[in-house]
Amino acid sequence: MQDSEIQKELTEKEEQSAVAKVFNYRLVKEKTAGGLMYILTIASLVLVVVMGIGLYLKSAPIFEEHSLGELIFSSNWRPLKGQFGFMPFIAGTVWVTVVAVLWVLPISLLTAIFLTEYAKSYVKKYVFPALDILAGLPSVIYGVWGTLLIIPWISNKFAPHFVDFSTGYTVLAGGIVLGVMILPLLVSLFIEIFSSLPTELRDASTSLGATKWQTSKKVVLKKSFPGIMASVVLAISRAMGETIAILMVCGNLPEVPRSILDACYPIPALIANNYGEMLSLPQYEAALMFAALILFVVVLVFNVISRVILYRVEKSYA
């Protein structure tokens, strides 16, 4: 009898020991995974800081001969004479981005409203894959498309109504191509924001006699306005970094554009066109690094702003 009790106690202790080992193993595994993810998160933040510091250090030599105001606000770009005015490139970037956002924003909003509020399931079945394809296409394909279709259309059909002659390589061409590139991003963001709205808001509106369009306009759009603004800011930061497609259709002329039918020279195109060829000129290399630093700071600020707005939106609906 005693032997059986002893055997039973030993069995229970072995089971408890096995359970404790499994628990300790899972606990160690969980702590290790948590620590690893924490390290990777910190590393990603450190990487952004290191990139910013690296760009500043590489561009520092240009500050020895030129002030910040002279670099940003001057329009004289003659690198071989030591003149580095970035205003044409800043203006070109702003022009192309604004044109792209102005025409693609209403289309993206209406598309997202249709897909979330009106569309049948079979429509979504075909539209969503199409948006994914647009989002996944390499930018060079957009550039080729713009060169073969958009530029001849502007040169032969659109521009003759306003100017005597245009090559087609214009701000408008860049804005059209860039708008098509950010269209899937905006539609996806808008759909996510509209879908996160509580269903009770829509039900309350329709129960008061509002039509579906009135509900979309007065409830969905109004309540989603902060998120819409954050999405637009995020899309702008995405658009400012596009290089190859914009380089192929904008004309790359270092002058401040005065209309959408003028050529322009965005900052990403400047870096892509010249870096690697002028490394023998230290001032030129520093100038290109300063251009990258300008783009880095602007995109970083826009991303931070969009994330803050989105955080507030999510908090308000939590």
C-alpha atoms as a PDB file:
ATOM      1  CA  MET A   1       0.000   0.000   0.000  1.00  0.00           C
ATOM      2  CA  GLN A   2       2.793   2.344   0.886  1.00  0.00           C
ATOM      3  CA  ASP A   3       4.647   1.449  -2.289  1.00  0.00           C
ATOM      4  CA  SER A   4       1.641   2.400  -4.408  1.00  0.00           C
ATOM      5  CA  GLU A   5       1.248   5.726  -2.604  1.00  0.00           C
ATOM      6  CA  ILE A   6       4.947   6.443  -3.046  1.00  0.00           C
ATOM      7  CA  GLN A   7       4.684   5.523  -6.709  1.00  0.00           C
ATOM      8  CA  LYS A   8       1.669   7.801  -7.095  1.00  0.00           C
ATOM      9  CA  GLU A   9       3.496  10.718  -5.442  1.00  0.00           C
ATOM     10  CA  LEU A  10       6.500  10.180  -7.690  1.00  0.00           C
ATOM     11  CA  THR A  11       4.239  10.151 -10.754  1.00  0.00           C
ATOM     12  CA  GLU A  12       2.562  13.384  -9.662  1.00  0.00           C
ATOM     13  CA  LYS A  13       5.938  15.025  -9.062  1.00  0.00           C
ATOM     14  CA  GLU A  14       7.151  13.922 -12.490  1.00  0.00           C
ATOM     15  CA  GLU A  15       4.017  15.342 -14.097  1.00  0.00           C
ATOM     16  CA  GLN A  16       4.420  18.617 -12.203  1.00  0.00           C
ATOM     17  CA  SER A  17       8.077  18.741 -13.204  1.00  0.00           C
ATOM     18  CA  ALA A  18       7.194  18.123 -16.854  1.00  0.00           C
ATOM     19  CA  VAL A  19       4.508  20.840 -16.746  1.00  0.00           C
ATOM     20  CA  ALA A  20       6.953  23.237 -15.102  1.00  0.00           C
ATOM     21  CA  LYS A  21       9.566  22.534 -17.772  1.00  0.00           C
ATOM     22  CA  VAL A  22       7.052  23.171 -20.559  1.00  0.00           C
ATOM     23  CA  PHE A  23       5.876  26.376 -18.871  1.00  0.00           C
ATOM     24  CA  ASN A  24       9.436  27.597 -18.353  1.00  0.00           C
ATOM     25  CA  TYR A  25      10.302  26.782 -21.973  1.00  0.00           C
ATOM     26  CA  ARG A  26       7.286  28.712 -23.258  1.00  0.00           C
ATOM     27  CA  LEU A  27       8.082  31.590 -20.910  1.00  0.00           C
ATOM     28  CA  VAL A  28      11.687  31.763 -22.121  1.00  0.00           C
ATOM     29  CA  LYS A  29      10.528  31.502 -25.722  1.00  0.00           C
ATOM     30  CA  GLU A  30       8.010  34.316 -25.238  1.00  0.00           C
ATOM     31  CA  LYS A  31      10.554  36.577 -23.542  1.00  0.00           C
ATOM     32  CA  THR A  32      13.110  35.870 -26.257  1.00  0.00           C
ATOM     33  CA  ALA A  33      10.612  36.680 -29.018  1.00  0.00           C
ATOM     34  CA  GLY A  34       9.519  39.846 -27.219  1.00  0.00           C
ATOM     35  CA  GLY A  35      13.101  40.963 -26.706  1.00  0.00           C
ATOM     36  CA  LEU A  36      13.999  40.254 -30.328  1.00  0.00           C
ATOM     37  CA  MET A  37      11.029  42.255 -31.614  1.00  0.00           C
ATOM     38  CA  TYR A  38      11.920  45.102 -29.260  1.00  0.00           C
ATOM     39  CA  ILE A  39      15.496  45.148 -30.540  1.00  0.00           C
ATOM     40  CA  LEU A  40      14.331  45.144 -34.162  1.00  0.00           C
ATOM     41  CA  THR A  41      11.906  47.991 -33.438  1.00  0.00           C
ATOM     42  CA  ILE A  42      14.635  50.083 -31.846  1.00  0.00           C
ATOM     43  CA  ALA A  43      16.971  49.199 -34.721  1.00  0.00           C
ATOM     44  CA  SER A  44      14.470  50.523 -37.271  1.00  0.00           C
ATOM     45  CA  LEU A  45      14.250  53.817 -35.386  1.00  0.00           C
ATOM     46  CA  VAL A  46      18.018  54.014 -35.057  1.00  0.00           C
ATOM     47  CA  LEU A  47      18.345  53.335 -38.789  1.00  0.00           C
ATOM     48  CA  VAL A  48      16.235  56.413 -39.596  1.00  0.00           C
ATOM     49  CA  VAL A  49      18.367  58.567 -37.292  1.00  0.00           C
ATOM     50  CA  VAL A  50      21.593  57.153 -38.743  1.00  0.00           C
ATOM     51  CA  MET A  51      20.383  57.865 -42.281  1.00  0.00           C
ATOM     52  CA  GLY A  52      19.585  61.459 -41.365  1.00  0.00           C
ATOM     53  CA  ILE A  53      22.933  61.987 -39.668  1.00  0.00           C
ATOM     54  CA  GLY A  54      24.774  60.367 -42.573  1.00  0.00           C
ATOM     55  CA  LEU A  55      23.064  62.608 -45.133  1.00  0.00           C
ATOM     56  CA  TYR A  56      23.840  65.684 -43.050  1.00  0.00           C
ATOM     57  CA  LEU A  57      27.518  64.774 -42.650  1.00  0.00           C
ATOM     58  CA  LYS A  58      27.863  64.086 -46.375  1.00  0.00           C
ATOM     59  CA  SER A  59      26.195  67.404 -47.256  1.00  0.00           C
ATOM     60  CA  ALA A  60      28.051  69.430 -44.605  1.00  0.00           C
ATOM     61  CA  PRO A  61      30.867  70.634 -46.944  1.00  0.00           C
ATOM     62  CA  ILE A  62      28.416  72.703 -48.966  1.00  0.00           C
ATOM     63  CA  PHE A  63      27.482  74.734 -45.886  1.00  0.00           C
ATOM     64  CA  GLU A  64      31.080  75.974 -45.662  1.00  0.00           C
ATOM     65  CA  GLU A  65      30.607  78.120 -48.772  1.00  0.00           C
ATOM     66  CA  HIS A  66      26.818  78.619 -48.971  1.00  0.00           C
ATOM     67  CA  SER A  67      24.189  79.547 -46.436  1.00  0.00           C
ATOM     68  CA  LEU A  68      21.014  77.518 -45.998  1.00  0.00           C
ATOM     69  CA  GLY A  69      18.861  80.372 -47.295  1.00  0.00           C
ATOM     70  CA  GLU A  70      21.013  80.774 -50.392  1.00  0.00           C
ATOM     71  CA  LEU A  71      20.798  77.062 -51.164  1.00  0.00           C
ATOM     72  CA  ILE A  72      17.030  76.810 -50.766  1.00  0.00           C
ATOM     73  CA  PHE A  73      15.843  80.105 -52.238  1.00  0.00           C
ATOM     74  CA  SER A  74      18.324  80.638 -55.073  1.00  0.00           C
ATOM     75  CA  SER A  75      17.397  79.568 -58.610  1.00  0.00           C
ATOM     76  CA  ASN A  76      20.939  79.569 -60.011  1.00  0.00           C
ATOM     77  CA  TRP A  77      22.057  76.012 -60.724  1.00  0.00           C
ATOM     78  CA  ARG A  78      25.549  76.047 -62.223  1.00  0.00           C
ATOM     79  CA  PRO A  79      27.520  73.331 -60.416  1.00  0.00           C
ATOM     80  CA  LEU A  80      30.724  73.840 -62.400  1.00  0.00           C
ATOM     81  CA  LYS A  81      30.733  77.486 -61.247  1.00  0.00           C
ATOM     82  CA  GLY A  82      29.909  76.598 -57.651  1.00  0.00           C
ATOM     83  CA  GLN A  83      26.312  77.865 -57.793  1.00  0.00           C
ATOM     84  CA  PHE A  84      23.813  75.531 -56.176  1.00  0.00           C
ATOM     85  CA  GLY A  85      20.309  76.972 -56.065  1.00  0.00           C
ATOM     86  CA  PHE A  86      17.717  74.324 -55.231  1.00  0.00           C
ATOM     87  CA  MET A  87      14.575  76.374 -55.780  1.00  0.00           C
ATOM     88  CA  PRO A  88      13.869  74.904 -59.280  1.00  0.00           C
ATOM     89  CA  PHE A  89      14.029  71.379 -57.892  1.00  0.00           C
ATOM     90  CA  ILE A  90      11.941  72.142 -54.802  1.00  0.00           C
ATOM     91  CA  ALA A  91       9.370  73.954 -56.949  1.00  0.00           C
ATOM     92  CA  GLY A  92       9.317  71.108 -59.481  1.00  0.00           C
ATOM     93  CA  THR A  93       8.709  68.554 -56.732  1.00  0.00           C
ATOM     94  CA  VAL A  94       5.881  70.633 -55.249  1.00  0.00           C
ATOM     95  CA  TRP A  95       4.257  71.311 -58.631  1.00  0.00           C
ATOM     96  CA  VAL A  96       4.197  67.659 -59.709  1.00  0.00           C
ATOM     97  CA  THR A  97       2.960  66.457 -56.315  1.00  0.00           C
ATOM     98  CA  VAL A  98       0.178  69.067 -56.098  1.00  0.00           C
ATOM     99  CA  VAL A  99      -1.042  68.356 -59.637  1.00  0.00           C
ATOM    100  CA  ALA A 100      -1.101  64.614 -58.921  1.00  0.00           C
ATOM    101  CA  VAL A 101      -3.024  64.992 -55.656  1.00  0.00           C
ATOM    102  CA  LEU A 102      -5.519  67.498 -57.072  1.00  0.00           C
ATOM    103  CA  TRP A 103      -6.797  65.211 -59.814  1.00  0.00           C
ATOM    104  CA  VAL A 104      -6.442  61.860 -58.082  1.00  0.00           C
ATOM    105  CA  LEU A 105      -8.022  62.828 -54.733  1.00  0.00           C
ATOM    106  CA  PRO A 106     -11.670  63.130 -55.901  1.00  0.00           C
ATOM    107  CA  ILE A 107     -11.366  59.978 -58.020  1.00  0.00           C
ATOM    108  CA  SER A 108      -9.917  58.035 -55.084  1.00  0.00           C
ATOM    109  CA  LEU A 109     -12.603  59.293 -52.700  1.00  0.00           C
ATOM    110  CA  LEU A 110     -15.484  58.445 -55.029  1.00  0.00           C
ATOM    111  CA  THR A 111     -13.973  55.042 -55.831  1.00  0.00           C
ATOM    112  CA  ALA A 112     -13.554  54.203 -52.141  1.00  0.00           C
ATOM    113  CA  ILE A 113     -17.104  55.364 -51.328  1.00  0.00           C
ATOM    114  CA  PHE A 114     -18.502  53.270 -54.155  1.00  0.00           C
ATOM    115  CA  LEU A 115     -16.589  50.162 -53.088  1.00  0.00           C
ATOM    116  CA  THR A 116     -17.524  50.463 -49.402  1.00  0.00           C
ATOM    117  CA  GLU A 117     -21.095  51.761 -49.645  1.00  0.00           C
ATOM    118  CA  TYR A 118     -22.536  50.739 -53.018  1.00  0.00           C
ATOM    119  CA  ALA A 119     -20.566  48.010 -54.771  1.00  0.00           C
ATOM    120  CA  LYS A 120     -21.734  44.419 -54.961  1.00  0.00           C
ATOM    121  CA  SER A 121     -19.402  41.635 -53.947  1.00  0.00           C
ATOM    122  CA  TYR A 122     -18.700  40.600 -57.545  1.00  0.00           C
ATOM    123  CA  VAL A 123     -17.550  44.155 -58.362  1.00  0.00           C
ATOM    124  CA  LYS A 124     -15.096  44.128 -55.465  1.00  0.00           C
ATOM    125  CA  LYS A 125     -13.898  40.732 -56.666  1.00  0.00           C
ATOM    126  CA  TYR A 126     -12.495  42.332 -59.830  1.00  0.00           C
ATOM    127  CA  VAL A 127     -11.623  45.849 -58.611  1.00  0.00           C
ATOM    128  CA  PHE A 128      -9.422  44.875 -55.679  1.00  0.00           C
ATOM    129  CA  PRO A 129      -7.076  42.667 -57.768  1.00  0.00           C
ATOM    130  CA  ALA A 130      -6.832  45.466 -60.337  1.00  0.00           C
ATOM    131  CA  LEU A 131      -5.778  47.905 -57.608  1.00  0.00           C
ATOM    132  CA  ASP A 132      -3.227  45.396 -56.340  1.00  0.00           C
ATOM    133  CA  ILE A 133      -1.787  45.075 -59.846  1.00  0.00           C
ATOM    134  CA  LEU A 134      -1.511  48.866 -60.176  1.00  0.00           C
ATOM    135  CA  ALA A 135       0.204  49.085 -56.795  1.00  0.00           C
ATOM    136  CA  GLY A 136       2.682  46.340 -57.678  1.00  0.00           C
ATOM    137  CA  LEU A 137       3.793  47.579 -61.091  1.00  0.00           C
ATOM    138  CA  PRO A 138       7.401  48.855 -61.248  1.00  0.00           C
ATOM    139  CA  SER A 139       7.640  52.621 -61.628  1.00  0.00           C
ATOM    140  CA  VAL A 140       9.550  52.292 -64.904  1.00  0.00           C
ATOM    141  CA  ILE A 141       6.417  50.807 -66.498  1.00  0.00           C
ATOM    142  CA  TYR A 142       4.483  53.919 -65.520  1.00  0.00           C
ATOM    143  CA  GLY A 143       7.275  55.993 -67.022  1.00  0.00           C
ATOM    144  CA  VAL A 144       7.140  54.104 -70.319  1.00  0.00           C
ATOM    145  CA  TRP A 145       3.343  54.402 -70.364  1.00  0.00           C
ATOM    146  CA  GLY A 146       3.608  58.138 -69.765  1.00  0.00           C
ATOM    147  CA  THR A 147       6.241  58.544 -72.469  1.00  0.00           C
ATOM    148  CA  LEU A 148       4.288  56.606 -75.093  1.00  0.00           C
ATOM    149  CA  LEU A 149       0.754  57.875 -74.365  1.00  0.00           C
ATOM    150  CA  ILE A 150       0.576  60.896 -72.049  1.00  0.00           C
ATOM    151  CA  ILE A 151       3.383  62.984 -73.553  1.00  0.00           C
ATOM    152  CA  PRO A 152       2.132  62.723 -77.186  1.00  0.00           C
ATOM    153  CA  TRP A 153      -1.405  63.531 -75.990  1.00  0.00           C
ATOM    154  CA  ILE A 154      -0.216  66.653 -74.177  1.00  0.00           C
ATOM    155  CA  SER A 155       2.029  67.742 -77.054  1.00  0.00           C
ATOM    156  CA  ASN A 156      -0.464  67.162 -79.878  1.00  0.00           C
ATOM    157  CA  LYS A 157      -3.922  67.455 -78.311  1.00  0.00           C
ATOM    158  CA  PHE A 158      -3.908  69.392 -75.057  1.00  0.00           C
ATOM    159  CA  ALA A 159      -1.067  71.932 -75.130  1.00  0.00           C
ATOM    160  CA  PRO A 160      -1.905  73.504 -78.568  1.00  0.00           C
ATOM    161  CA  HIS A 161      -5.053  74.986 -77.011  1.00  0.00           C
ATOM    162  CA  PHE A 162      -2.947  77.025 -74.564  1.00  0.00           C
ATOM    163  CA  VAL A 163       0.598  77.477 -75.916  1.00  0.00           C
ATOM    164  CA  ASP A 164       2.242  77.618 -79.327  1.00  0.00           C
ATOM    165  CA  PHE A 165       4.509  74.638 -78.752  1.00  0.00           C
ATOM    166  CA  SER A 166       5.118  72.014 -76.086  1.00  0.00           C
ATOM    167  CA  THR A 167       7.271  68.910 -76.133  1.00  0.00           C
ATOM    168  CA  GLY A 168       4.857  67.194 -73.752  1.00  0.00           C
ATOM    169  CA  TYR A 169       7.533  66.695 -71.108  1.00  0.00           C
ATOM    170  CA  THR A 170       5.794  68.872 -68.561  1.00  0.00           C
ATOM    171  CA  VAL A 171       4.550  69.223 -65.017  1.00  0.00           C
ATOM    172  CA  LEU A 172       1.176  67.965 -66.230  1.00  0.00           C
ATOM    173  CA  ALA A 173       2.690  64.747 -67.579  1.00  0.00           C
ATOM    174  CA  GLY A 174       4.473  64.152 -64.295  1.00  0.00           C
ATOM    175  CA  GLY A 175       1.308  64.893 -62.330  1.00  0.00           C
ATOM    176  CA  ILE A 176      -0.783  62.473 -64.397  1.00  0.00           C
ATOM    177  CA  VAL A 177       1.742  59.644 -64.143  1.00  0.00           C
ATOM    178  CA  LEU A 178       2.346  60.254 -60.439  1.00  0.00           C
ATOM    179  CA  GLY A 179      -1.394  60.406 -59.762  1.00  0.00           C
ATOM    180  CA  VAL A 180      -1.931  56.996 -61.359  1.00  0.00           C
ATOM    181  CA  MET A 181       0.909  55.630 -59.234  1.00  0.00           C
ATOM    182  CA  ILE A 182      -0.568  56.817 -55.913  1.00  0.00           C
ATOM    183  CA  LEU A 183      -4.187  56.010 -56.846  1.00  0.00           C
ATOM    184  CA  PRO A 184      -4.108  52.445 -55.411  1.00  0.00           C
ATOM    185  CA  LEU A 185      -2.532  53.687 -52.175  1.00  0.00           C
ATOM    186  CA  LEU A 186      -5.182  56.367 -51.641  1.00  0.00           C
ATOM    187  CA  VAL A 187      -8.081  54.060 -52.493  1.00  0.00           C
ATOM    188  CA  SER A 188      -6.777  51.384 -50.106  1.00  0.00           C
ATOM    189  CA  LEU A 189      -6.326  53.894 -47.282  1.00  0.00           C
ATOM    190  CA  PHE A 190      -9.766  55.424 -47.821  1.00  0.00           C
ATOM    191  CA  ILE A 191     -11.437  51.996 -47.880  1.00  0.00           C
ATOM    192  CA  GLU A 192      -9.719  51.068 -44.621  1.00  0.00           C
ATOM    193  CA  ILE A 193     -10.836  54.328 -42.988  1.00  0.00           C
ATOM    194  CA  PHE A 194     -14.441  54.098 -44.217  1.00  0.00           C
ATOM    195  CA  SER A 195     -14.679  50.447 -43.168  1.00  0.00           C
ATOM    196  CA  SER A 196     -13.501  51.291 -39.640  1.00  0.00           C
ATOM    197  CA  LEU A 197     -16.454  53.625 -39.034  1.00  0.00           C
ATOM    198  CA  PRO A 198     -19.065  52.116 -36.667  1.00  0.00           C
ATOM    199  CA  THR A 199     -22.049  50.638 -38.508  1.00  0.00           C
ATOM    200  CA  GLU A 200     -24.337  52.314 -35.972  1.00  0.00           C
ATOM    201  CA  LEU A 201     -23.564  55.718 -37.514  1.00  0.00           C
ATOM    202  CA  ARG A 202     -24.835  54.589 -40.900  1.00  0.00           C
ATOM    203  CA  ASP A 203     -27.871  52.879 -39.363  1.00  0.00           C
ATOM    204  CA  ALA A 204     -28.776  55.996 -37.397  1.00  0.00           C
ATOM    205  CA  SER A 205     -28.562  58.146 -40.518  1.00  0.00           C
ATOM    206  CA  THR A 206     -30.719  55.849 -42.659  1.00  0.00           C
ATOM    207  CA  SER A 207     -33.261  55.428 -39.845  1.00  0.00           C
ATOM    208  CA  LEU A 208     -33.777  59.201 -39.907  1.00  0.00           C
ATOM    209  CA  GLY A 209     -34.674  59.004 -43.602  1.00  0.00           C
ATOM    210  CA  ALA A 210     -31.334  59.903 -45.196  1.00  0.00           C
ATOM    211  CA  THR A 211     -30.482  58.378 -48.550  1.00  0.00           C
ATOM    212  CA  LYS A 212     -27.323  56.348 -49.056  1.00  0.00           C
ATOM    213  CA  TRP A 213     -25.585  59.283 -50.758  1.00  0.00           C
ATOM    214  CA  GLN A 214     -26.614  61.674 -47.978  1.00  0.00           C
ATOM    215  CA  THR A 215     -25.276  59.203 -45.449  1.00  0.00           C
ATOM    216  CA  SER A 216     -22.012  58.924 -47.369  1.00  0.00           C
ATOM    217  CA  LYS A 217     -21.652  62.691 -47.670  1.00  0.00           C
ATOM    218  CA  LYS A 218     -22.853  63.832 -44.252  1.00  0.00           C
ATOM    219  CA  VAL A 219     -21.726  60.929 -42.090  1.00  0.00           C
ATOM    220  CA  VAL A 220     -19.015  58.842 -43.725  1.00  0.00           C
ATOM    221  CA  LEU A 221     -16.999  61.695 -45.253  1.00  0.00           C
ATOM    222  CA  LYS A 222     -17.507  64.047 -42.308  1.00  0.00           C
ATOM    223  CA  LYS A 223     -16.495  61.533 -39.673  1.00  0.00           C
ATOM    224  CA  SER A 224     -13.589  60.304 -41.780  1.00  0.00           C
ATOM    225  CA  PHE A 225     -12.205  63.750 -42.593  1.00  0.00           C
ATOM    226  CA  PRO A 226      -9.169  63.561 -40.218  1.00  0.00           C
ATOM    227  CA  GLY A 227      -8.294  60.134 -41.610  1.00  0.00           C
ATOM    228  CA  ILE A 228      -8.716  61.396 -45.172  1.00  0.00           C
ATOM    229  CA  MET A 229      -6.308  64.234 -44.463  1.00  0.00           C
ATOM    230  CA  ALA A 230      -3.797  61.822 -42.926  1.00  0.00           C
ATOM    231  CA  SER A 231      -4.060  59.556 -45.965  1.00  0.00           C
ATOM    232  CA  VAL A 232      -3.467  62.491 -48.314  1.00  0.00           C
ATOM    233  CA  VAL A 233      -0.400  63.536 -46.320  1.00  0.00           C
ATOM    234  CA  LEU A 234       0.910  59.967 -46.443  1.00  0.00           C
ATOM    235  CA  ALA A 235       0.304  59.804 -50.192  1.00  0.00           C
ATOM    236  CA  ILE A 236       2.136  63.113 -50.661  1.00  0.00           C
ATOM    237  CA  SER A 237       5.173  61.777 -48.820  1.00  0.00           C
ATOM    238  CA  ARG A 238       5.016  58.667 -50.995  1.00  0.00           C
ATOM    239  CA  ALA A 239       4.708  60.729 -54.169  1.00  0.00           C
ATOM    240  CA  MET A 240       7.659  62.987 -53.365  1.00  0.00           C
ATOM    241  CA  GLY A 241      10.070  60.074 -53.444  1.00  0.00           C
ATOM    242  CA  GLU A 242       9.136  58.710 -56.851  1.00  0.00           C
ATOM    243  CA  THR A 243      12.100  58.803 -59.211  1.00  0.00           C
ATOM    244  CA  ILE A 244      12.220  56.808 -62.444  1.00  0.00           C
ATOM    245  CA  ALA A 245       8.711  57.463 -63.778  1.00  0.00           C
ATOM    246  CA  ILE A 246       8.907  61.190 -63.033  1.00  0.00           C
ATOM    247  CA  LEU A 247      12.425  61.423 -64.445  1.00  0.00           C
ATOM    248  CA  MET A 248      11.135  60.017 -67.747  1.00  0.00           C
ATOM    249  CA  VAL A 249       8.247  62.464 -68.295  1.00  0.00           C
ATOM    250  CA  CYS A 250       9.059  65.817 -66.639  1.00  0.00           C
ATOM    251  CA  GLY A 251      11.687  67.204 -69.018  1.00  0.00           C
ATOM    252  CA  ASN A 252      14.389  67.652 -66.340  1.00  0.00           C
ATOM    253  CA  LEU A 253      14.927  71.376 -66.952  1.00  0.00           C
ATOM    254  CA  PRO A 254      16.394  73.226 -63.924  1.00  0.00           C
ATOM    255  CA  GLU A 255      14.010  76.176 -64.037  1.00  0.00           C
ATOM    256  CA  VAL A 256      11.132  77.152 -61.784  1.00  0.00           C
ATOM    257  CA  PRO A 257       7.924  76.119 -63.629  1.00  0.00           C
ATOM    258  CA  ARG A 258       5.265  78.789 -64.030  1.00  0.00           C
ATOM    259  CA  SER A 259       2.478  76.595 -65.398  1.00  0.00           C
ATOM    260  CA  ILE A 260       1.580  72.953 -65.732  1.00  0.00           C
ATOM    261  CA  LEU A 261       2.804  73.044 -69.351  1.00  0.00           C
ATOM    262  CA  ASP A 262       6.370  73.926 -68.334  1.00  0.00           C
ATOM    263  CA  ALA A 263       9.096  71.370 -67.852  1.00  0.00           C
ATOM    264  CA  CYS A 264      10.312  70.714 -64.323  1.00  0.00           C
ATOM    265  CA  TYR A 265      13.076  68.915 -62.469  1.00  0.00           C
ATOM    266  CA  PRO A 266      11.989  67.219 -59.199  1.00  0.00           C
ATOM    267  CA  ILE A 267      14.557  66.443 -56.530  1.00  0.00           C
ATOM    268  CA  PRO A 268      14.492  62.620 -56.967  1.00  0.00           C
ATOM    269  CA  ALA A 269      15.183  63.036 -60.688  1.00  0.00           C
ATOM    270  CA  LEU A 270      18.101  65.363 -59.904  1.00  0.00           C
ATOM    271  CA  ILE A 271      19.712  62.786 -57.636  1.00  0.00           C
ATOM    272  CA  ALA A 272      19.112  59.876 -60.007  1.00  0.00           C
ATOM    273  CA  ASN A 273      20.413  61.770 -63.034  1.00  0.00           C
ATOM    274  CA  ASN A 274      23.609  63.122 -61.542  1.00  0.00           C
ATOM    275  CA  TYR A 275      24.806  61.012 -58.638  1.00  0.00           C
ATOM    276  CA  GLY A 276      27.648  58.771 -59.653  1.00  0.00           C
ATOM    277  CA  GLU A 277      28.828  61.008 -62.485  1.00  0.00           C
ATOM    278  CA  MET A 278      29.991  63.945 -60.384  1.00  0.00           C
ATOM    279  CA  LEU A 279      31.711  62.219 -57.477  1.00  0.00           C
ATOM    280  CA  SER A 280      35.010  63.803 -58.556  1.00  0.00           C
ATOM    281  CA  LEU A 281      33.592  67.211 -57.582  1.00  0.00           C
ATOM    282  CA  PRO A 282      33.260  67.307 -53.776  1.00  0.00           C
ATOM    283  CA  GLN A 283      30.939  70.339 -53.786  1.00  0.00           C
ATOM    284  CA  TYR A 284      28.657  68.735 -56.354  1.00  0.00           C
ATOM    285  CA  GLU A 285      28.482  65.519 -54.342  1.00  0.00           C
ATOM    286  CA  ALA A 286      27.697  67.504 -51.187  1.00  0.00           C
ATOM    287  CA  ALA A 287      24.976  69.388 -53.089  1.00  0.00           C
ATOM    288  CA  LEU A 288      23.339  66.141 -54.183  1.00  0.00           C
ATOM    289  CA  MET A 289      23.522  64.846 -50.635  1.00  0.00           C
ATOM    290  CA  PHE A 290      21.859  68.059 -49.471  1.00  0.00           C
ATOM    291  CA  ALA A 291      19.081  67.445 -52.017  1.00  0.00           C
ATOM    292  CA  ALA A 292      18.625  63.966 -50.539  1.00  0.00           C
ATOM    293  CA  LEU A 293      18.585  65.492 -47.055  1.00  0.00           C
ATOM    294  CA  ILE A 294      15.827  67.938 -48.074  1.00  0.00           C
ATOM    295  CA  LEU A 295      13.737  65.069 -49.431  1.00  0.00           C
ATOM    296  CA  PHE A 296      14.450  62.950 -46.348  1.00  0.00           C
ATOM    297  CA  VAL A 297      13.347  65.681 -43.930  1.00  0.00           C
ATOM    298  CA  VAL A 298      10.203  66.568 -45.901  1.00  0.00           C
ATOM    299  CA  VAL A 299       9.078  62.935 -46.228  1.00  0.00           C
ATOM    300  CA  LEU A 300       9.849  62.277 -42.546  1.00  0.00           C
ATOM    301  CA  VAL A 301       7.797  65.296 -41.424  1.00  0.00           C
ATOM    302  CA  PHE A 302       4.858  64.339 -43.649  1.00  0.00           C
ATOM    303  CA  ASN A 303       4.911  60.747 -42.367  1.00  0.00           C
ATOM    304  CA  VAL A 304       4.994  61.856 -38.738  1.00  0.00           C
ATOM    305  CA  ILE A 305       2.068  64.230 -39.317  1.00  0.00           C
ATOM    306  CA  SER A 306      -0.006  61.512 -41.009  1.00  0.00           C
ATOM    307  CA  ARG A 307       0.730  58.996 -38.254  1.00  0.00           C
ATOM    308  CA  VAL A 308      -0.264  61.471 -35.534  1.00  0.00           C
ATOM    309  CA  ILE A 309      -3.563  62.204 -37.286  1.00  0.00           C
ATOM    310  CA  LEU A 310      -4.305  58.511 -37.835  1.00  0.00           C
ATOM    311  CA  TYR A 311      -3.513  57.775 -34.180  1.00  0.00           C
ATOM    312  CA  ARG A 312      -5.983  60.409 -33.064  1.00  0.00           C
ATOM    313  CA  VAL A 313      -8.636  59.039 -35.405  1.00  0.00           C
ATOM    314  CA  GLU A 314      -8.167  55.504 -34.097  1.00  0.00           C
ATOM    315  CA  LYS A 315      -8.253  56.779 -30.515  1.00  0.00           C
ATOM    316  CA  SER A 316     -11.492  58.690 -31.102  1.00  0.00           C
ATOM    317  CA  TYR A 317     -13.223  55.521 -32.354  1.00  0.00           C
ATOM    318  CA  ALA A 318     -11.684  53.157 -29.812  1.00  0.00           C
END
